[in-house]
Amino acid sequence: YFFDYLPAELRQKRIAEIEHKQALAIHHLEQ
């Protein structure tokens, strides 16, 4: 919600980290 305050490069990095964590959670649920 507050990512507008982050520099674009850091914002992209944080979104990628959240994506990775979400993908792991999905993989766990699929298993």
ModelCIF file with pLDDT and N, C-alpha, C, O atoms, coordinates in Angstrom:
data_MODEL
#
_entry.id   MODEL 
#
_entity.id                         1 
_entity.type                       polymer 
_entity.pdbx_number_of_molecules   1 
#
_entity_poly.entity_id                      1 
_entity_poly.type                           'polypeptide(L)' 
_entity_poly.nstd_linkage                   no 
_entity_poly.nstd_monomer                   no 
_entity_poly.pdbx_seq_one_letter_code       YFFDYLPAELRQKRIAEIEHKQALAIHHLEQ 
_entity_poly.pdbx_seq_one_letter_code_can   YFFDYLPAELRQKRIAEIEHKQALAIHHLEQ 
_entity_poly.pdbx_strand_id                 A 
#
loop_
_entity_poly_seq.entity_id 
_entity_poly_seq.num 
_entity_poly_seq.mon_id 
_entity_poly_seq.hetero 
1 1  TYR n 
1 2  PHE n 
1 3  PHE n 
1 4  ASP n 
1 5  TYR n 
1 6  LEU n 
1 7  PRO n 
1 8  ALA n 
1 9  GLU n 
1 10 LEU n 
1 11 ARG n 
1 12 GLN n 
1 13 LYS n 
1 14 ARG n 
1 15 ILE n 
1 16 ALA n 
1 17 GLU n 
1 18 ILE n 
1 19 GLU n 
1 20 HIS n 
1 21 LYS n 
1 22 GLN n 
1 23 ALA n 
1 24 LEU n 
1 25 ALA n 
1 26 ILE n 
1 27 HIS n 
1 28 HIS n 
1 29 LEU n 
1 30 GLU n 
1 31 GLN n 
#
_struct_asym.id          A 
_struct_asym.entity_id   1 
#
loop_
_ma_qa_metric.id 
_ma_qa_metric.mode 
_ma_qa_metric.name 
_ma_qa_metric.software_group_id 
_ma_qa_metric.type 
1 global pLDDT . pLDDT 
2 local  pLDDT . pLDDT 
#
_ma_qa_metric_global.metric_id      1 
_ma_qa_metric_global.metric_value   95.29 
_ma_qa_metric_global.model_id       1 
_ma_qa_metric_global.ordinal_id     1 
#
loop_
_ma_qa_metric_local.label_asym_id 
_ma_qa_metric_local.label_comp_id 
_ma_qa_metric_local.label_seq_id 
_ma_qa_metric_local.metric_id 
_ma_qa_metric_local.metric_value 
_ma_qa_metric_local.model_id 
_ma_qa_metric_local.ordinal_id 
A TYR 1  2 94.00 1 1  
A PHE 2  2 95.00 1 2  
A PHE 3  2 96.00 1 3  
A ASP 4  2 95.00 1 4  
A TYR 5  2 96.00 1 5  
A LEU 6  2 95.00 1 6  
A PRO 7  2 95.00 1 7  
A ALA 8  2 95.00 1 8  
A GLU 9  2 95.00 1 9  
A LEU 10 2 95.00 1 10 
A ARG 11 2 95.00 1 11 
A GLN 12 2 96.00 1 12 
A LYS 13 2 95.00 1 13 
A ARG 14 2 95.00 1 14 
A ILE 15 2 95.00 1 15 
A ALA 16 2 95.00 1 16 
A GLU 17 2 95.00 1 17 
A ILE 18 2 95.00 1 18 
A GLU 19 2 95.00 1 19 
A HIS 20 2 95.00 1 20 
A LYS 21 2 94.00 1 21 
A GLN 22 2 95.00 1 22 
A ALA 23 2 97.00 1 23 
A LEU 24 2 96.00 1 24 
A ALA 25 2 95.00 1 25 
A ILE 26 2 97.00 1 26 
A HIS 27 2 97.00 1 27 
A HIS 28 2 97.00 1 28 
A LEU 29 2 95.00 1 29 
A GLU 30 2 95.00 1 30 
A GLN 31 2 94.00 1 31 
#
loop_
_atom_site.group_PDB 
_atom_site.id 
_atom_site.type_symbol 
_atom_site.label_atom_id 
_atom_site.label_alt_id 
_atom_site.label_comp_id 
_atom_site.label_asym_id 
_atom_site.label_entity_id 
_atom_site.label_seq_id 
_atom_site.pdbx_PDB_ins_code 
_atom_site.Cartn_x 
_atom_site.Cartn_y 
_atom_site.Cartn_z 
_atom_site.occupancy 
_atom_site.B_iso_or_equiv 
_atom_site.pdbx_formal_charge 
_atom_site.auth_seq_id 
_atom_site.auth_comp_id 
_atom_site.auth_asym_id 
_atom_site.auth_atom_id 
_atom_site.pdbx_PDB_model_num 
ATOM 1   N N  . TYR A 1 1  ? 0.825  -1.207  0.000  1.00 94.00 ? 1  TYR A N  1 
ATOM 2   C CA . TYR A 1 1  ? 0.000  0.000   0.000  1.00 94.00 ? 1  TYR A CA 1 
ATOM 3   C C  . TYR A 1 1  ? 0.865  1.265   0.000  1.00 94.00 ? 1  TYR A C  1 
ATOM 4   O O  . TYR A 1 1  ? 0.491  2.280   -0.588 1.00 94.00 ? 1  TYR A O  1 
ATOM 5   N N  . PHE A 1 2  ? 2.010  1.196   0.657  1.00 95.00 ? 2  PHE A N  1 
ATOM 6   C CA . PHE A 1 2  ? 2.893  2.360   0.773  1.00 95.00 ? 2  PHE A CA 1 
ATOM 7   C C  . PHE A 1 2  ? 4.082  2.316   -0.199 1.00 95.00 ? 2  PHE A C  1 
ATOM 8   O O  . PHE A 1 2  ? 4.979  3.151   -0.084 1.00 95.00 ? 2  PHE A O  1 
ATOM 9   N N  . PHE A 1 3  ? 4.120  1.385   -1.137 1.00 96.00 ? 3  PHE A N  1 
ATOM 10  C CA . PHE A 1 3  ? 5.270  1.229   -2.040 1.00 96.00 ? 3  PHE A CA 1 
ATOM 11  C C  . PHE A 1 3  ? 5.539  2.446   -2.921 1.00 96.00 ? 3  PHE A C  1 
ATOM 12  O O  . PHE A 1 3  ? 6.625  2.538   -3.492 1.00 96.00 ? 3  PHE A O  1 
ATOM 13  N N  . ASP A 1 4  ? 4.613  3.375   -3.056 1.00 95.00 ? 4  ASP A N  1 
ATOM 14  C CA . ASP A 1 4  ? 4.898  4.590   -3.819 1.00 95.00 ? 4  ASP A CA 1 
ATOM 15  C C  . ASP A 1 4  ? 6.061  5.365   -3.211 1.00 95.00 ? 4  ASP A C  1 
ATOM 16  O O  . ASP A 1 4  ? 6.700  6.161   -3.899 1.00 95.00 ? 4  ASP A O  1 
ATOM 17  N N  . TYR A 1 5  ? 6.340  5.144   -1.941 1.00 96.00 ? 5  TYR A N  1 
ATOM 18  C CA . TYR A 1 5  ? 7.442  5.842   -1.270 1.00 96.00 ? 5  TYR A CA 1 
ATOM 19  C C  . TYR A 1 5  ? 8.808  5.208   -1.537 1.00 96.00 ? 5  TYR A C  1 
ATOM 20  O O  . TYR A 1 5  ? 9.835  5.809   -1.221 1.00 96.00 ? 5  TYR A O  1 
ATOM 21  N N  . LEU A 1 6  ? 8.834  4.010   -2.110 1.00 95.00 ? 6  LEU A N  1 
ATOM 22  C CA . LEU A 1 6  ? 10.098 3.332   -2.394 1.00 95.00 ? 6  LEU A CA 1 
ATOM 23  C C  . LEU A 1 6  ? 10.632 3.727   -3.772 1.00 95.00 ? 6  LEU A C  1 
ATOM 24  O O  . LEU A 1 6  ? 9.853  3.986   -4.689 1.00 95.00 ? 6  LEU A O  1 
ATOM 25  N N  . PRO A 1 7  ? 11.949 3.772   -3.918 1.00 95.00 ? 7  PRO A N  1 
ATOM 26  C CA . PRO A 1 7  ? 12.519 3.948   -5.263 1.00 95.00 ? 7  PRO A CA 1 
ATOM 27  C C  . PRO A 1 7  ? 12.110 2.760   -6.138 1.00 95.00 ? 7  PRO A C  1 
ATOM 28  O O  . PRO A 1 7  ? 11.943 1.647   -5.640 1.00 95.00 ? 7  PRO A O  1 
ATOM 29  N N  . ALA A 1 8  ? 11.954 2.995   -7.420 1.00 95.00 ? 8  ALA A N  1 
ATOM 30  C CA . ALA A 1 8  ? 11.443 1.973   -8.341 1.00 95.00 ? 8  ALA A CA 1 
ATOM 31  C C  . ALA A 1 8  ? 12.232 0.665   -8.279 1.00 95.00 ? 8  ALA A C  1 
ATOM 32  O O  . ALA A 1 8  ? 11.635 -0.411  -8.285 1.00 95.00 ? 8  ALA A O  1 
ATOM 33  N N  . GLU A 1 9  ? 13.540 0.740   -8.220 1.00 95.00 ? 9  GLU A N  1 
ATOM 34  C CA . GLU A 1 9  ? 14.361 -0.473  -8.217 1.00 95.00 ? 9  GLU A CA 1 
ATOM 35  C C  . GLU A 1 9  ? 14.109 -1.310  -6.958 1.00 95.00 ? 9  GLU A C  1 
ATOM 36  O O  . GLU A 1 9  ? 13.989 -2.533  -7.034 1.00 95.00 ? 9  GLU A O  1 
ATOM 37  N N  . LEU A 1 10 ? 14.032 -0.657  -5.824 1.00 95.00 ? 10 LEU A N  1 
ATOM 38  C CA . LEU A 1 10 ? 13.765 -1.372  -4.576 1.00 95.00 ? 10 LEU A CA 1 
ATOM 39  C C  . LEU A 1 10 ? 12.337 -1.905  -4.558 1.00 95.00 ? 10 LEU A C  1 
ATOM 40  O O  . LEU A 1 10 ? 12.086 -3.002  -4.060 1.00 95.00 ? 10 LEU A O  1 
ATOM 41  N N  . ARG A 1 11 ? 11.417 -1.140  -5.092 1.00 95.00 ? 11 ARG A N  1 
ATOM 42  C CA . ARG A 1 11 ? 10.015 -1.587  -5.173 1.00 95.00 ? 11 ARG A CA 1 
ATOM 43  C C  . ARG A 1 11 ? 9.931  -2.872  -5.992 1.00 95.00 ? 11 ARG A C  1 
ATOM 44  O O  . ARG A 1 11 ? 9.242  -3.810  -5.592 1.00 95.00 ? 11 ARG A O  1 
ATOM 45  N N  . GLN A 1 12 ? 10.615 -2.929  -7.119 1.00 96.00 ? 12 GLN A N  1 
ATOM 46  C CA . GLN A 1 12 ? 10.607 -4.129  -7.968 1.00 96.00 ? 12 GLN A CA 1 
ATOM 47  C C  . GLN A 1 12 ? 11.209 -5.325  -7.234 1.00 96.00 ? 12 GLN A C  1 
ATOM 48  O O  . GLN A 1 12 ? 10.717 -6.448  -7.338 1.00 96.00 ? 12 GLN A O  1 
ATOM 49  N N  . LYS A 1 13 ? 12.274 -5.063  -6.498 1.00 95.00 ? 13 LYS A N  1 
ATOM 50  C CA . LYS A 1 13 ? 12.927 -6.139  -5.739 1.00 95.00 ? 13 LYS A CA 1 
ATOM 51  C C  . LYS A 1 13 ? 11.976 -6.688  -4.675 1.00 95.00 ? 13 LYS A C  1 
ATOM 52  O O  . LYS A 1 13 ? 11.855 -7.902  -4.512 1.00 95.00 ? 13 LYS A O  1 
ATOM 53  N N  . ARG A 1 14 ? 11.313 -5.802  -3.964 1.00 95.00 ? 14 ARG A N  1 
ATOM 54  C CA . ARG A 1 14 ? 10.390 -6.230  -2.911 1.00 95.00 ? 14 ARG A CA 1 
ATOM 55  C C  . ARG A 1 14 ? 9.203  -7.008  -3.488 1.00 95.00 ? 14 ARG A C  1 
ATOM 56  O O  . ARG A 1 14 ? 8.773  -8.004  -2.907 1.00 95.00 ? 14 ARG A O  1 
ATOM 57  N N  . ILE A 1 15 ? 8.677  -6.556  -4.623 1.00 95.00 ? 15 ILE A N  1 
ATOM 58  C CA . ILE A 1 15 ? 7.570  -7.285  -5.253 1.00 95.00 ? 15 ILE A CA 1 
ATOM 59  C C  . ILE A 1 15 ? 8.030  -8.681  -5.660 1.00 95.00 ? 15 ILE A C  1 
ATOM 60  O O  . ILE A 1 15 ? 7.297  -9.653  -5.480 1.00 95.00 ? 15 ILE A O  1 
ATOM 61  N N  . ALA A 1 16 ? 9.236  -8.783  -6.207 1.00 95.00 ? 16 ALA A N  1 
ATOM 62  C CA . ALA A 1 16 ? 9.775  -10.092 -6.598 1.00 95.00 ? 16 ALA A CA 1 
ATOM 63  C C  . ALA A 1 16 ? 9.928  -10.999 -5.376 1.00 95.00 ? 16 ALA A C  1 
ATOM 64  O O  . ALA A 1 16 ? 9.664  -12.197 -5.469 1.00 95.00 ? 16 ALA A O  1 
ATOM 65  N N  . GLU A 1 17 ? 10.349 -10.452 -4.236 1.00 95.00 ? 17 GLU A N  1 
ATOM 66  C CA . GLU A 1 17 ? 10.476 -11.247 -3.014 1.00 95.00 ? 17 GLU A CA 1 
ATOM 67  C C  . GLU A 1 17 ? 9.117  -11.750 -2.539 1.00 95.00 ? 17 GLU A C  1 
ATOM 68  O O  . GLU A 1 17 ? 8.980  -12.899 -2.118 1.00 95.00 ? 17 GLU A O  1 
ATOM 69  N N  . ILE A 1 18 ? 8.132  -10.890 -2.610 1.00 95.00 ? 18 ILE A N  1 
ATOM 70  C CA . ILE A 1 18 ? 6.777  -11.276 -2.206 1.00 95.00 ? 18 ILE A CA 1 
ATOM 71  C C  . ILE A 1 18 ? 6.231  -12.334 -3.161 1.00 95.00 ? 18 ILE A C  1 
ATOM 72  O O  . ILE A 1 18 ? 5.572  -13.282 -2.733 1.00 95.00 ? 18 ILE A O  1 
ATOM 73  N N  . GLU A 1 19 ? 6.505  -12.170 -4.449 1.00 95.00 ? 19 GLU A N  1 
ATOM 74  C CA . GLU A 1 19 ? 6.099  -13.176 -5.448 1.00 95.00 ? 19 GLU A CA 1 
ATOM 75  C C  . GLU A 1 19 ? 6.700  -14.535 -5.123 1.00 95.00 ? 19 GLU A C  1 
ATOM 76  O O  . GLU A 1 19 ? 6.014  -15.557 -5.158 1.00 95.00 ? 19 GLU A O  1 
ATOM 77  N N  . HIS A 1 20 ? 7.983  -14.532 -4.809 1.00 95.00 ? 20 HIS A N  1 
ATOM 78  C CA . HIS A 1 20 ? 8.680  -15.784 -4.514 1.00 95.00 ? 20 HIS A CA 1 
ATOM 79  C C  . HIS A 1 20 ? 8.053  -16.471 -3.296 1.00 95.00 ? 20 HIS A C  1 
ATOM 80  O O  . HIS A 1 20 ? 7.812  -17.678 -3.310 1.00 95.00 ? 20 HIS A O  1 
ATOM 81  N N  . LYS A 1 21 ? 7.796  -15.700 -2.260 1.00 94.00 ? 21 LYS A N  1 
ATOM 82  C CA . LYS A 1 21 ? 7.179  -16.251 -1.055 1.00 94.00 ? 21 LYS A CA 1 
ATOM 83  C C  . LYS A 1 21 ? 5.791  -16.809 -1.368 1.00 94.00 ? 21 LYS A C  1 
ATOM 84  O O  . LYS A 1 21 ? 5.412  -17.859 -0.850 1.00 94.00 ? 21 LYS A O  1 
ATOM 85  N N  . GLN A 1 22 ? 5.035  -16.109 -2.212 1.00 95.00 ? 22 GLN A N  1 
ATOM 86  C CA . GLN A 1 22 ? 3.696  -16.570 -2.588 1.00 95.00 ? 22 GLN A CA 1 
ATOM 87  C C  . GLN A 1 22 ? 3.780  -17.859 -3.406 1.00 95.00 ? 22 GLN A C  1 
ATOM 88  O O  . GLN A 1 22 ? 2.976  -18.771 -3.216 1.00 95.00 ? 22 GLN A O  1 
ATOM 89  N N  . ALA A 1 23 ? 4.747  -17.931 -4.309 1.00 97.00 ? 23 ALA A N  1 
ATOM 90  C CA . ALA A 1 23 ? 4.926  -19.143 -5.124 1.00 97.00 ? 23 ALA A CA 1 
ATOM 91  C C  . ALA A 1 23 ? 5.264  -20.343 -4.240 1.00 97.00 ? 23 ALA A C  1 
ATOM 92  O O  . ALA A 1 23 ? 4.784  -21.450 -4.485 1.00 97.00 ? 23 ALA A O  1 
ATOM 93  N N  . LEU A 1 24 ? 6.076  -20.130 -3.227 1.00 96.00 ? 24 LEU A N  1 
ATOM 94  C CA . LEU A 1 24 ? 6.394  -21.221 -2.291 1.00 96.00 ? 24 LEU A CA 1 
ATOM 95  C C  . LEU A 1 24 ? 5.154  -21.675 -1.528 1.00 96.00 ? 24 LEU A C  1 
ATOM 96  O O  . LEU A 1 24 ? 4.955  -22.871 -1.317 1.00 96.00 ? 24 LEU A O  1 
ATOM 97  N N  . ALA A 1 25 ? 4.328  -20.730 -1.117 1.00 95.00 ? 25 ALA A N  1 
ATOM 98  C CA . ALA A 1 25 ? 3.096  -21.072 -0.400 1.00 95.00 ? 25 ALA A CA 1 
ATOM 99  C C  . ALA A 1 25 ? 2.165  -21.874 -1.302 1.00 95.00 ? 25 ALA A C  1 
ATOM 100 O O  . ALA A 1 25 ? 1.546  -22.839 -0.853 1.00 95.00 ? 25 ALA A O  1 
ATOM 101 N N  . ILE A 1 26 ? 2.062  -21.489 -2.554 1.00 97.00 ? 26 ILE A N  1 
ATOM 102 C CA . ILE A 1 26 ? 1.212  -22.221 -3.509 1.00 97.00 ? 26 ILE A CA 1 
ATOM 103 C C  . ILE A 1 26 ? 1.752  -23.631 -3.712 1.00 97.00 ? 26 ILE A C  1 
ATOM 104 O O  . ILE A 1 26 ? 0.987  -24.596 -3.728 1.00 97.00 ? 26 ILE A O  1 
ATOM 105 N N  . HIS A 1 27 ? 3.061  -23.752 -3.865 1.00 97.00 ? 27 HIS A N  1 
ATOM 106 C CA . HIS A 1 27 ? 3.676  -25.064 -4.044 1.00 97.00 ? 27 HIS A CA 1 
ATOM 107 C C  . HIS A 1 27 ? 3.368  -25.966 -2.844 1.00 97.00 ? 27 HIS A C  1 
ATOM 108 O O  . HIS A 1 27 ? 3.059  -27.146 -3.008 1.00 97.00 ? 27 HIS A O  1 
ATOM 109 N N  . HIS A 1 28 ? 3.456  -25.402 -1.653 1.00 97.00 ? 28 HIS A N  1 
ATOM 110 C CA . HIS A 1 28 ? 3.147  -26.165 -0.442 1.00 97.00 ? 28 HIS A CA 1 
ATOM 111 C C  . HIS A 1 28 ? 1.690  -26.638 -0.464 1.00 97.00 ? 28 HIS A C  1 
ATOM 112 O O  . HIS A 1 28 ? 1.408  -27.792 -0.143 1.00 97.00 ? 28 HIS A O  1 
ATOM 113 N N  . LEU A 1 29 ? 0.771  -25.755 -0.839 1.00 95.00 ? 29 LEU A N  1 
ATOM 114 C CA . LEU A 1 29 ? -0.648 -26.134 -0.896 1.00 95.00 ? 29 LEU A CA 1 
ATOM 115 C C  . LEU A 1 29 ? -0.904 -27.188 -1.967 1.00 95.00 ? 29 LEU A C  1 
ATOM 116 O O  . LEU A 1 29 ? -1.722 -28.086 -1.768 1.00 95.00 ? 29 LEU A O  1 
ATOM 117 N N  . GLU A 1 30 ? -0.218 -27.088 -3.093 1.00 95.00 ? 30 GLU A N  1 
ATOM 118 C CA . GLU A 1 30 ? -0.372 -28.091 -4.157 1.00 95.00 ? 30 GLU A CA 1 
ATOM 119 C C  . GLU A 1 30 ? 0.107  -29.464 -3.679 1.00 95.00 ? 30 GLU A C  1 
ATOM 120 O O  . GLU A 1 30 ? -0.517 -30.482 -3.977 1.00 95.00 ? 30 GLU A O  1 
ATOM 121 N N  . GLN A 1 31 ? 1.210  -29.486 -2.943 1.00 94.00 ? 31 GLN A N  1 
ATOM 122 C CA . GLN A 1 31 ? 1.713  -30.747 -2.402 1.00 94.00 ? 31 GLN A CA 1 
ATOM 123 C C  . GLN A 1 31 ? 0.738  -31.319 -1.370 1.00 94.00 ? 31 GLN A C  1 
ATOM 124 O O  . GLN A 1 31 ? 0.993  -32.382 -0.804 1.00 94.00 ? 31 GLN A O  1 
#
